[in-house]
Amino acid sequence: MTIIKNSNGTDLTVALEGRLDTTTAPELEQALKESMDAATTLTLDFAKLEYISSAGLRVLLSAHKAMSKKGGMKVIHVNEIVSEVFDVTGFADILTIE
């Protein structure tokens, strides 16, 4: 998985490419921990994310909880496969998805 971070003031955008699974979730978790302190809003761009597992969902939930205290988090460009996972797991009701 490739993680591309872009910070614009207090707005942080993180684009993911590939698969967010048990192997790569710790990588995303670490990248978010390093960057979220200075951010008040977090945008996750899933345009090139092919797959998400329960380990990836755990990282998203943790980031959502942290960012909801600061300003917010949204997920953009969600494909059909990831969208279905969000629907089945109830994450579609928790996350802001655009």
PDB file of N, CA and C in Angstrom:
ATOM      1  N   MET A   1       0.839  -1.173   0.000  1.00  0.00           N
ATOM      2  CA  MET A   1       0.000   0.000   0.000  1.00  0.00           C
ATOM      3  C   MET A   1       0.889   1.242   0.000  1.00  0.00           C
ATOM      4  N   THR A   2       0.455   2.241  -0.719  1.00  0.00           N
ATOM      5  CA  THR A   2       1.151   3.526  -0.760  1.00  0.00           C
ATOM      6  C   THR A   2       0.308   4.547  -0.021  1.00  0.00           C
ATOM      7  N   ILE A   3       0.959   5.336   0.827  1.00  0.00           N
ATOM      8  CA  ILE A   3       0.297   6.391   1.591  1.00  0.00           C
ATOM      9  C   ILE A   3       0.870   7.722   1.141  1.00  0.00           C
ATOM     10  N   ILE A   4      -0.005   8.615   0.672  1.00  0.00           N
ATOM     11  CA  ILE A   4       0.426   9.937   0.219  1.00  0.00           C
ATOM     12  C   ILE A   4      -0.244  10.974   1.109  1.00  0.00           C
ATOM     13  N   LYS A   5       0.575  11.699   1.879  1.00  0.00           N
ATOM     14  CA  LYS A   5       0.050  12.709   2.791  1.00  0.00           C
ATOM     15  C   LYS A   5       0.263  14.100   2.207  1.00  0.00           C
ATOM     16  N   ASN A   6      -0.756  14.943   2.365  1.00  0.00           N
ATOM     17  CA  ASN A   6      -0.671  16.324   1.913  1.00  0.00           C
ATOM     18  C   ASN A   6      -1.299  17.200   2.984  1.00  0.00           C
ATOM     19  N   SER A   7      -0.494  18.105   3.524  1.00  0.00           N
ATOM     20  CA  SER A   7      -0.975  18.989   4.577  1.00  0.00           C
ATOM     21  C   SER A   7      -1.081  20.414   4.051  1.00  0.00           C
ATOM     22  N   ASN A   8      -2.217  21.032   4.316  1.00  0.00           N
ATOM     23  CA  ASN A   8      -2.451  22.416   3.916  1.00  0.00           C
ATOM     24  C   ASN A   8      -2.951  23.154   5.148  1.00  0.00           C
ATOM     25  N   GLY A   9      -2.028  23.746   5.897  1.00  0.00           N
ATOM     26  CA  GLY A   9      -2.399  24.374   7.158  1.00  0.00           C
ATOM     27  C   GLY A   9      -2.817  23.304   8.151  1.00  0.00           C
ATOM     28  N   THR A  10      -4.074  23.385   8.602  1.00  0.00           N
ATOM     29  CA  THR A  10      -4.577  22.383   9.543  1.00  0.00           C
ATOM     30  C   THR A  10      -5.420  21.315   8.856  1.00  0.00           C
ATOM     31  N   ASP A  11      -5.465  21.343   7.524  1.00  0.00           N
ATOM     32  CA  ASP A  11      -6.194  20.330   6.751  1.00  0.00           C
ATOM     33  C   ASP A  11      -5.218  19.260   6.269  1.00  0.00           C
ATOM     34  N   LEU A  12      -5.479  18.029   6.647  1.00  0.00           N
ATOM     35  CA  LEU A  12      -4.630  16.909   6.244  1.00  0.00           C
ATOM     36  C   LEU A  12      -5.407  16.003   5.305  1.00  0.00           C
ATOM     37  N   THR A  13      -4.820  15.710   4.151  1.00  0.00           N
ATOM     38  CA  THR A  13      -5.400  14.754   3.206  1.00  0.00           C
ATOM     39  C   THR A  13      -4.450  13.576   3.085  1.00  0.00           C
ATOM     40  N   VAL A  14      -5.003  12.377   3.213  1.00  0.00           N
ATOM     41  CA  VAL A  14      -4.215  11.161   3.094  1.00  0.00           C
ATOM     42  C   VAL A  14      -4.850  10.302   2.008  1.00  0.00           C
ATOM     43  N   ALA A  15      -4.097  10.063   0.943  1.00  0.00           N
ATOM     44  CA  ALA A  15      -4.567   9.220  -0.160  1.00  0.00           C
ATOM     45  C   ALA A  15      -3.922   7.846  -0.028  1.00  0.00           C
ATOM     46  N   LEU A  16      -4.731   6.815  -0.227  1.00  0.00           N
ATOM     47  CA  LEU A  16      -4.242   5.447  -0.119  1.00  0.00           C
ATOM     48  C   LEU A  16      -4.337   4.754  -1.460  1.00  0.00           C
ATOM     49  N   GLU A  17      -3.306   3.975  -1.784  1.00  0.00           N
ATOM     50  CA  GLU A  17      -3.290   3.184  -3.014  1.00  0.00           C
ATOM     51  C   GLU A  17      -2.995   1.738  -2.640  1.00  0.00           C
ATOM     52  N   GLY A  18      -3.803   0.819  -3.149  1.00  0.00           N
ATOM     53  CA  GLY A  18      -3.559  -0.599  -2.903  1.00  0.00           C
ATOM     54  C   GLY A  18      -4.565  -1.196  -1.943  1.00  0.00           C
ATOM     55  N   ARG A  19      -4.062  -2.018  -1.008  1.00  0.00           N
ATOM     56  CA  ARG A  19      -4.915  -2.756  -0.081  1.00  0.00           C
ATOM     57  C   ARG A  19      -4.642  -2.318   1.360  1.00  0.00           C
ATOM     58  N   LEU A  20      -5.711  -2.049   2.085  1.00  0.00           N
ATOM     59  CA  LEU A  20      -5.608  -1.732   3.508  1.00  0.00           C
ATOM     60  C   LEU A  20      -6.070  -2.972   4.265  1.00  0.00           C
ATOM     61  N   ASP A  21      -5.104  -3.757   4.737  1.00  0.00           N
ATOM     62  CA  ASP A  21      -5.408  -5.023   5.378  1.00  0.00           C
ATOM     63  C   ASP A  21      -4.540  -5.221   6.617  1.00  0.00           C
ATOM     64  N   THR A  22      -4.511  -6.427   7.130  1.00  0.00           N
ATOM     65  CA  THR A  22      -3.757  -6.734   8.352  1.00  0.00           C
ATOM     66  C   THR A  22      -2.287  -6.360   8.230  1.00  0.00           C
ATOM     67  N   THR A  23      -1.727  -6.533   7.063  1.00  0.00           N
ATOM     68  CA  THR A  23      -0.310  -6.245   6.835  1.00  0.00           C
ATOM     69  C   THR A  23      -0.036  -4.746   6.779  1.00  0.00           C
ATOM     70  N   THR A  24      -0.924  -3.985   6.159  1.00  0.00           N
ATOM     71  CA  THR A  24      -0.663  -2.561   5.919  1.00  0.00           C
ATOM     72  C   THR A  24      -1.336  -1.618   6.916  1.00  0.00           C
ATOM     73  N   ALA A  25      -2.300  -2.108   7.694  1.00  0.00           N
ATOM     74  CA  ALA A  25      -3.004  -1.244   8.654  1.00  0.00           C
ATOM     75  C   ALA A  25      -2.060  -0.582   9.665  1.00  0.00           C
ATOM     76  N   PRO A  26      -1.068  -1.298  10.221  1.00  0.00           N
ATOM     77  CA  PRO A  26      -0.149  -0.643  11.149  1.00  0.00           C
ATOM     78  C   PRO A  26       0.628   0.515  10.496  1.00  0.00           C
ATOM     79  N   GLU A  27       0.907   0.371   9.217  1.00  0.00           N
ATOM     80  CA  GLU A  27       1.607   1.419   8.469  1.00  0.00           C
ATOM     81  C   GLU A  27       0.752   2.697   8.417  1.00  0.00           C
ATOM     82  N   LEU A  28      -0.534   2.538   8.117  1.00  0.00           N
ATOM     83  CA  LEU A  28      -1.443   3.689   8.075  1.00  0.00           C
ATOM     84  C   LEU A  28      -1.620   4.276   9.466  1.00  0.00           C
ATOM     85  N   GLU A  29      -1.767   3.424  10.452  1.00  0.00           N
ATOM     86  CA  GLU A  29      -1.933   3.889  11.822  1.00  0.00           C
ATOM     87  C   GLU A  29      -0.754   4.769  12.249  1.00  0.00           C
ATOM     88  N   GLN A  30       0.453   4.333  11.946  1.00  0.00           N
ATOM     89  CA  GLN A  30       1.652   5.102  12.287  1.00  0.00           C
ATOM     90  C   GLN A  30       1.694   6.421  11.516  1.00  0.00           C
ATOM     91  N   ALA A  31       1.384   6.383  10.230  1.00  0.00           N
ATOM     92  CA  ALA A  31       1.395   7.601   9.406  1.00  0.00           C
ATOM     93  C   ALA A  31       0.383   8.620   9.921  1.00  0.00           C
ATOM     94  N   LEU A  32      -0.780   8.155  10.345  1.00  0.00           N
ATOM     95  CA  LEU A  32      -1.798   9.069  10.868  1.00  0.00           C
ATOM     96  C   LEU A  32      -1.369   9.648  12.213  1.00  0.00           C
ATOM     97  N   LYS A  33      -0.801   8.825  13.074  1.00  0.00           N
ATOM     98  CA  LYS A  33      -0.330   9.305  14.379  1.00  0.00           C
ATOM     99  C   LYS A  33       0.700  10.417  14.205  1.00  0.00           C
ATOM    100  N   GLU A  34       1.576  10.259  13.222  1.00  0.00           N
ATOM    101  CA  GLU A  34       2.622  11.252  12.982  1.00  0.00           C
ATOM    102  C   GLU A  34       2.069  12.566  12.460  1.00  0.00           C
ATOM    103  N   SER A  35       0.923  12.540  11.805  1.00  0.00           N
ATOM    104  CA  SER A  35       0.425  13.728  11.109  1.00  0.00           C
ATOM    105  C   SER A  35      -0.828  14.356  11.698  1.00  0.00           C
ATOM    106  N   MET A  36      -1.584  13.624  12.481  1.00  0.00           N
ATOM    107  CA  MET A  36      -2.885  14.121  12.931  1.00  0.00           C
ATOM    108  C   MET A  36      -2.816  15.174  14.025  1.00  0.00           C
ATOM    109  N   ASP A  37      -1.729  15.238  14.766  1.00  0.00           N
ATOM    110  CA  ASP A  37      -1.655  16.186  15.883  1.00  0.00           C
ATOM    111  C   ASP A  37      -1.888  17.620  15.450  1.00  0.00           C
ATOM    112  N   ALA A  38      -1.315  18.015  14.327  1.00  0.00           N
ATOM    113  CA  ALA A  38      -1.419  19.395  13.863  1.00  0.00           C
ATOM    114  C   ALA A  38      -2.684  19.644  13.042  1.00  0.00           C
ATOM    115  N   ALA A  39      -3.420  18.588  12.728  1.00  0.00           N
ATOM    116  CA  ALA A  39      -4.587  18.724  11.846  1.00  0.00           C
ATOM    117  C   ALA A  39      -5.876  18.895  12.642  1.00  0.00           C
ATOM    118  N   THR A  40      -6.783  19.707  12.086  1.00  0.00           N
ATOM    119  CA  THR A  40      -8.123  19.809  12.655  1.00  0.00           C
ATOM    120  C   THR A  40      -9.139  19.097  11.773  1.00  0.00           C
ATOM    121  N   THR A  41      -8.793  18.894  10.498  1.00  0.00           N
ATOM    122  CA  THR A  41      -9.649  18.105   9.608  1.00  0.00           C
ATOM    123  C   THR A  41      -8.792  17.080   8.879  1.00  0.00           C
ATOM    124  N   LEU A  42      -9.381  15.915   8.680  1.00  0.00           N
ATOM    125  CA  LEU A  42      -8.703  14.828   7.986  1.00  0.00           C
ATOM    126  C   LEU A  42      -9.594  14.352   6.849  1.00  0.00           C
ATOM    127  N   THR A  43      -9.016  14.300   5.645  1.00  0.00           N
ATOM    128  CA  THR A  43      -9.712  13.752   4.483  1.00  0.00           C
ATOM    129  C   THR A  43      -8.949  12.529   4.023  1.00  0.00           C
ATOM    130  N   LEU A  44      -9.647  11.413   3.936  1.00  0.00           N
ATOM    131  CA  LEU A  44      -9.049  10.185   3.423  1.00  0.00           C
ATOM    132  C   LEU A  44      -9.548   9.983   2.004  1.00  0.00           C
ATOM    133  N   ASP A  45      -8.619   9.955   1.052  1.00  0.00           N
ATOM    134  CA  ASP A  45      -8.954   9.787  -0.362  1.00  0.00           C
ATOM    135  C   ASP A  45      -8.745   8.326  -0.744  1.00  0.00           C
ATOM    136  N   PHE A  46      -9.853   7.647  -1.044  1.00  0.00           N
ATOM    137  CA  PHE A  46      -9.807   6.219  -1.346  1.00  0.00           C
ATOM    138  C   PHE A  46      -9.951   5.944  -2.838  1.00  0.00           C
ATOM    139  N   ALA A  47      -9.645   6.911  -3.691  1.00  0.00           N
ATOM    140  CA  ALA A  47      -9.799   6.745  -5.140  1.00  0.00           C
ATOM    141  C   ALA A  47      -9.040   5.522  -5.658  1.00  0.00           C
ATOM    142  N   LYS A  48      -7.888   5.211  -5.058  1.00  0.00           N
ATOM    143  CA  LYS A  48      -7.069   4.101  -5.542  1.00  0.00           C
ATOM    144  C   LYS A  48      -6.960   2.969  -4.525  1.00  0.00           C
ATOM    145  N   LEU A  49      -7.863   2.984  -3.526  1.00  0.00           N
ATOM    146  CA  LEU A  49      -7.882   1.894  -2.550  1.00  0.00           C
ATOM    147  C   LEU A  49      -8.688   0.740  -3.122  1.00  0.00           C
ATOM    148  N   GLU A  50      -8.077  -0.435  -3.188  1.00  0.00           N
ATOM    149  CA  GLU A  50      -8.699  -1.600  -3.818  1.00  0.00           C
ATOM    150  C   GLU A  50      -9.479  -2.468  -2.841  1.00  0.00           C
ATOM    151  N   TYR A  51      -9.078  -2.450  -1.562  1.00  0.00           N
ATOM    152  CA  TYR A  51      -9.644  -3.389  -0.599  1.00  0.00           C
ATOM    153  C   TYR A  51      -9.421  -2.854   0.799  1.00  0.00           C
ATOM    154  N   ILE A  52     -10.364  -3.147   1.713  1.00  0.00           N
ATOM    155  CA  ILE A  52     -10.186  -2.805   3.124  1.00  0.00           C
ATOM    156  C   ILE A  52     -10.654  -3.982   3.978  1.00  0.00           C
ATOM    157  N   SER A  53      -9.864  -4.335   4.976  1.00  0.00           N
ATOM    158  CA  SER A  53     -10.205  -5.443   5.876  1.00  0.00           C
ATOM    159  C   SER A  53     -10.636  -4.881   7.225  1.00  0.00           C
ATOM    160  N   SER A  54     -10.960  -5.772   8.151  1.00  0.00           N
ATOM    161  CA  SER A  54     -11.366  -5.340   9.490  1.00  0.00           C
ATOM    162  C   SER A  54     -10.230  -4.594  10.200  1.00  0.00           C
ATOM    163  N   ALA A  55      -8.995  -4.949   9.914  1.00  0.00           N
ATOM    164  CA  ALA A  55      -7.859  -4.235  10.511  1.00  0.00           C
ATOM    165  C   ALA A  55      -7.824  -2.789  10.018  1.00  0.00           C
ATOM    166  N   GLY A  56      -8.130  -2.589   8.747  1.00  0.00           N
ATOM    167  CA  GLY A  56      -8.209  -1.239   8.192  1.00  0.00           C
ATOM    168  C   GLY A  56      -9.364  -0.462   8.783  1.00  0.00           C
ATOM    169  N   LEU A  57     -10.495  -1.136   8.991  1.00  0.00           N
ATOM    170  CA  LEU A  57     -11.655  -0.476   9.600  1.00  0.00           C
ATOM    171  C   LEU A  57     -11.340  -0.008  11.014  1.00  0.00           C
ATOM    172  N   ARG A  58     -10.574  -0.811  11.738  1.00  0.00           N
ATOM    173  CA  ARG A  58     -10.181  -0.438  13.101  1.00  0.00           C
ATOM    174  C   ARG A  58      -9.372   0.852  13.104  1.00  0.00           C
ATOM    175  N   VAL A  59      -8.455   0.991  12.148  1.00  0.00           N
ATOM    176  CA  VAL A  59      -7.647   2.210  12.047  1.00  0.00           C
ATOM    177  C   VAL A  59      -8.542   3.406  11.712  1.00  0.00           C
ATOM    178  N   LEU A  60      -9.506   3.211  10.809  1.00  0.00           N
ATOM    179  CA  LEU A  60     -10.428   4.296  10.463  1.00  0.00           C
ATOM    180  C   LEU A  60     -11.259   4.719  11.665  1.00  0.00           C
ATOM    181  N   LEU A  61     -11.743   3.755  12.441  1.00  0.00           N
ATOM    182  CA  LEU A  61     -12.547   4.073  13.614  1.00  0.00           C
ATOM    183  C   LEU A  61     -11.738   4.859  14.636  1.00  0.00           C
ATOM    184  N   SER A  62     -10.506   4.451  14.839  1.00  0.00           N
ATOM    185  CA  SER A  62      -9.622   5.149  15.770  1.00  0.00           C
ATOM    186  C   SER A  62      -9.366   6.587  15.305  1.00  0.00           C
ATOM    187  N   ALA A  63      -9.091   6.761  14.023  1.00  0.00           N
ATOM    188  CA  ALA A  63      -8.862   8.106  13.467  1.00  0.00           C
ATOM    189  C   ALA A  63     -10.124   8.947  13.566  1.00  0.00           C
ATOM    190  N   HIS A  64     -11.268   8.341  13.301  1.00  0.00           N
ATOM    191  CA  HIS A  64     -12.547   9.058  13.378  1.00  0.00           C
ATOM    192  C   HIS A  64     -12.792   9.566  14.792  1.00  0.00           C
ATOM    193  N   LYS A  65     -12.537   8.720  15.783  1.00  0.00           N
ATOM    194  CA  LYS A  65     -12.730   9.117  17.178  1.00  0.00           C
ATOM    195  C   LYS A  65     -11.809  10.280  17.540  1.00  0.00           C
ATOM    196  N   ALA A  66     -10.559  10.206  17.134  1.00  0.00           N
ATOM    197  CA  ALA A  66      -9.595  11.265  17.441  1.00  0.00           C
ATOM    198  C   ALA A  66      -9.967  12.573  16.743  1.00  0.00           C
ATOM    199  N   MET A  67     -10.362  12.493  15.477  1.00  0.00           N
ATOM    200  CA  MET A  67     -10.650  13.699  14.707  1.00  0.00           C
ATOM    201  C   MET A  67     -12.004  14.308  15.068  1.00  0.00           C
ATOM    202  N   SER A  68     -12.942  13.534  15.573  1.00  0.00           N
ATOM    203  CA  SER A  68     -14.245  14.084  15.931  1.00  0.00           C
ATOM    204  C   SER A  68     -14.125  15.061  17.096  1.00  0.00           C
ATOM    205  N   LYS A  69     -13.066  14.937  17.880  1.00  0.00           N
ATOM    206  CA  LYS A  69     -12.819  15.861  18.992  1.00  0.00           C
ATOM    207  C   LYS A  69     -12.168  17.157  18.512  1.00  0.00           C
ATOM    208  N   LYS A  70     -11.631  17.148  17.302  1.00  0.00           N
ATOM    209  CA  LYS A  70     -10.847  18.280  16.811  1.00  0.00           C
ATOM    210  C   LYS A  70     -11.535  19.076  15.714  1.00  0.00           C
ATOM    211  N   GLY A  71     -12.272  18.444  14.842  1.00  0.00           N
ATOM    212  CA  GLY A  71     -12.859  19.153  13.721  1.00  0.00           C
ATOM    213  C   GLY A  71     -13.620  18.232  12.790  1.00  0.00           C
ATOM    214  N   GLY A  72     -13.057  17.061  12.517  1.00  0.00           N
ATOM    215  CA  GLY A  72     -13.789  16.102  11.704  1.00  0.00           C
ATOM    216  C   GLY A  72     -12.935  15.338  10.728  1.00  0.00           C
ATOM    217  N   MET A  73     -13.564  14.309  10.181  1.00  0.00           N
ATOM    218  CA  MET A  73     -12.908  13.437   9.216  1.00  0.00           C
ATOM    219  C   MET A  73     -13.934  13.051   8.163  1.00  0.00           C
ATOM    220  N   LYS A  74     -13.486  12.993   6.923  1.00  0.00           N
ATOM    221  CA  LYS A  74     -14.362  12.510   5.858  1.00  0.00           C
ATOM    222  C   LYS A  74     -13.579  11.592   4.941  1.00  0.00           C
ATOM    223  N   VAL A  75     -14.322  10.735   4.248  1.00  0.00           N
ATOM    224  CA  VAL A  75     -13.739   9.794   3.305  1.00  0.00           C
ATOM    225  C   VAL A  75     -14.317  10.140   1.932  1.00  0.00           C
ATOM    226  N   ILE A  76     -13.428  10.272   0.948  1.00  0.00           N
ATOM    227  CA  ILE A  76     -13.877  10.641  -0.398  1.00  0.00           C
ATOM    228  C   ILE A  76     -13.450   9.590  -1.420  1.00  0.00           C
ATOM    229  N   HIS A  77     -14.114   9.611  -2.566  1.00  0.00           N
ATOM    230  CA  HIS A  77     -13.790   8.733  -3.704  1.00  0.00           C
ATOM    231  C   HIS A  77     -13.795   7.250  -3.339  1.00  0.00           C
ATOM    232  N   VAL A  78     -14.844   6.816  -2.673  1.00  0.00           N
ATOM    233  CA  VAL A  78     -14.948   5.417  -2.257  1.00  0.00           C
ATOM    234  C   VAL A  78     -15.499   4.582  -3.411  1.00  0.00           C
ATOM    235  N   ASN A  79     -14.786   3.517  -3.765  1.00  0.00           N
ATOM    236  CA  ASN A  79     -15.252   2.651  -4.862  1.00  0.00           C
ATOM    237  C   ASN A  79     -16.333   1.695  -4.371  1.00  0.00           C
ATOM    238  N   GLU A  80     -16.883   0.939  -5.288  1.00  0.00           N
ATOM    239  CA  GLU A  80     -18.012   0.053  -4.983  1.00  0.00           C
ATOM    240  C   GLU A  80     -17.651  -1.046  -3.983  1.00  0.00           C
ATOM    241  N   ILE A  81     -16.456  -1.606  -4.104  1.00  0.00           N
ATOM    242  CA  ILE A  81     -16.033  -2.702  -3.214  1.00  0.00           C
ATOM    243  C   ILE A  81     -15.905  -2.207  -1.777  1.00  0.00           C
ATOM    244  N   VAL A  82     -15.216  -1.088  -1.587  1.00  0.00           N
ATOM    245  CA  VAL A  82     -15.029  -0.529  -0.246  1.00  0.00           C
ATOM    246  C   VAL A  82     -16.366  -0.020   0.292  1.00  0.00           C
ATOM    247  N   SER A  83     -17.178   0.574  -0.556  1.00  0.00           N
ATOM    248  CA  SER A  83     -18.492   1.059  -0.151  1.00  0.00           C
ATOM    249  C   SER A  83     -19.364  -0.074   0.381  1.00  0.00           C
ATOM    250  N   GLU A  84     -19.284  -1.230  -0.260  1.00  0.00           N
ATOM    251  CA  GLU A  84     -20.055  -2.390   0.191  1.00  0.00           C
ATOM    252  C   GLU A  84     -19.597  -2.846   1.574  1.00  0.00           C
ATOM    253  N   VAL A  85     -18.284  -2.821   1.812  1.00  0.00           N
ATOM    254  CA  VAL A  85     -17.752  -3.175   3.136  1.00  0.00           C
ATOM    255  C   VAL A  85     -18.281  -2.186   4.173  1.00  0.00           C
ATOM    256  N   PHE A  86     -18.278  -0.897   3.854  1.00  0.00           N
ATOM    257  CA  PHE A  86     -18.801   0.116   4.767  1.00  0.00           C
ATOM    258  C   PHE A  86     -20.282  -0.120   5.062  1.00  0.00           C
ATOM    259  N   ASP A  87     -21.057  -0.487   4.049  1.00  0.00           N
ATOM    260  CA  ASP A  87     -22.489  -0.733   4.229  1.00  0.00           C
ATOM    261  C   ASP A  87     -22.738  -1.945   5.127  1.00  0.00           C
ATOM    262  N   VAL A  88     -22.045  -3.041   4.850  1.00  0.00           N
ATOM    263  CA  VAL A  88     -22.246  -4.285   5.590  1.00  0.00           C
ATOM    264  C   VAL A  88     -21.829  -4.149   7.051  1.00  0.00           C
ATOM    265  N   THR A  89     -20.762  -3.402   7.310  1.00  0.00           N
ATOM    266  CA  THR A  89     -20.235  -3.279   8.670  1.00  0.00           C
ATOM    267  C   THR A  89     -20.879  -2.146   9.474  1.00  0.00           C
ATOM    268  N   GLY A  90     -21.676  -1.311   8.817  1.00  0.00           N
ATOM    269  CA  GLY A  90     -22.295  -0.187   9.506  1.00  0.00           C
ATOM    270  C   GLY A  90     -21.437   1.065   9.515  1.00  0.00           C
ATOM    271  N   PHE A  91     -20.249   0.995   8.928  1.00  0.00           N
ATOM    272  CA  PHE A  91     -19.372   2.155   8.871  1.00  0.00           C
ATOM    273  C   PHE A  91     -19.962   3.274   8.019  1.00  0.00           C
ATOM    274  N   ALA A  92     -20.856   2.927   7.096  1.00  0.00           N
ATOM    275  CA  ALA A  92     -21.501   3.946   6.264  1.00  0.00           C
ATOM    276  C   ALA A  92     -22.333   4.892   7.129  1.00  0.00           C
ATOM    277  N   ASP A  93     -22.802   4.406   8.271  1.00  0.00           N
ATOM    278  CA  ASP A  93     -23.590   5.235   9.189  1.00  0.00           C
ATOM    279  C   ASP A  93     -22.710   6.047  10.143  1.00  0.00           C
ATOM    280  N   ILE A  94     -21.474   5.618  10.313  1.00  0.00           N
ATOM    281  CA  ILE A  94     -20.562   6.275  11.264  1.00  0.00           C
ATOM    282  C   ILE A  94     -19.722   7.347  10.571  1.00  0.00           C
ATOM    283  N   LEU A  95     -19.160   7.020   9.414  1.00  0.00           N
ATOM    284  CA  LEU A  95     -18.243   7.903   8.719  1.00  0.00           C
ATOM    285  C   LEU A  95     -18.977   8.902   7.821  1.00  0.00           C
ATOM    286  N   THR A  96     -18.351  10.033   7.586  1.00  0.00           N
ATOM    287  CA  THR A  96     -18.832  10.981   6.592  1.00  0.00           C
ATOM    288  C   THR A  96     -18.196  10.580   5.274  1.00  0.00           C
ATOM    289  N   ILE A  97     -19.022  10.136   4.331  1.00  0.00           N
ATOM    290  CA  ILE A  97     -18.521   9.643   3.052  1.00  0.00           C
ATOM    291  C   ILE A  97     -19.069  10.527   1.941  1.00  0.00           C
ATOM    292  N   GLU A  98     -18.174  11.062   1.143  1.00  0.00           N
ATOM    293  CA  GLU A  98     -18.577  11.938   0.031  1.00  0.00           C
ATOM    294  C   GLU A  98     -18.180  11.341  -1.288  1.00  0.00           C
TER     295      GLU A  98
END
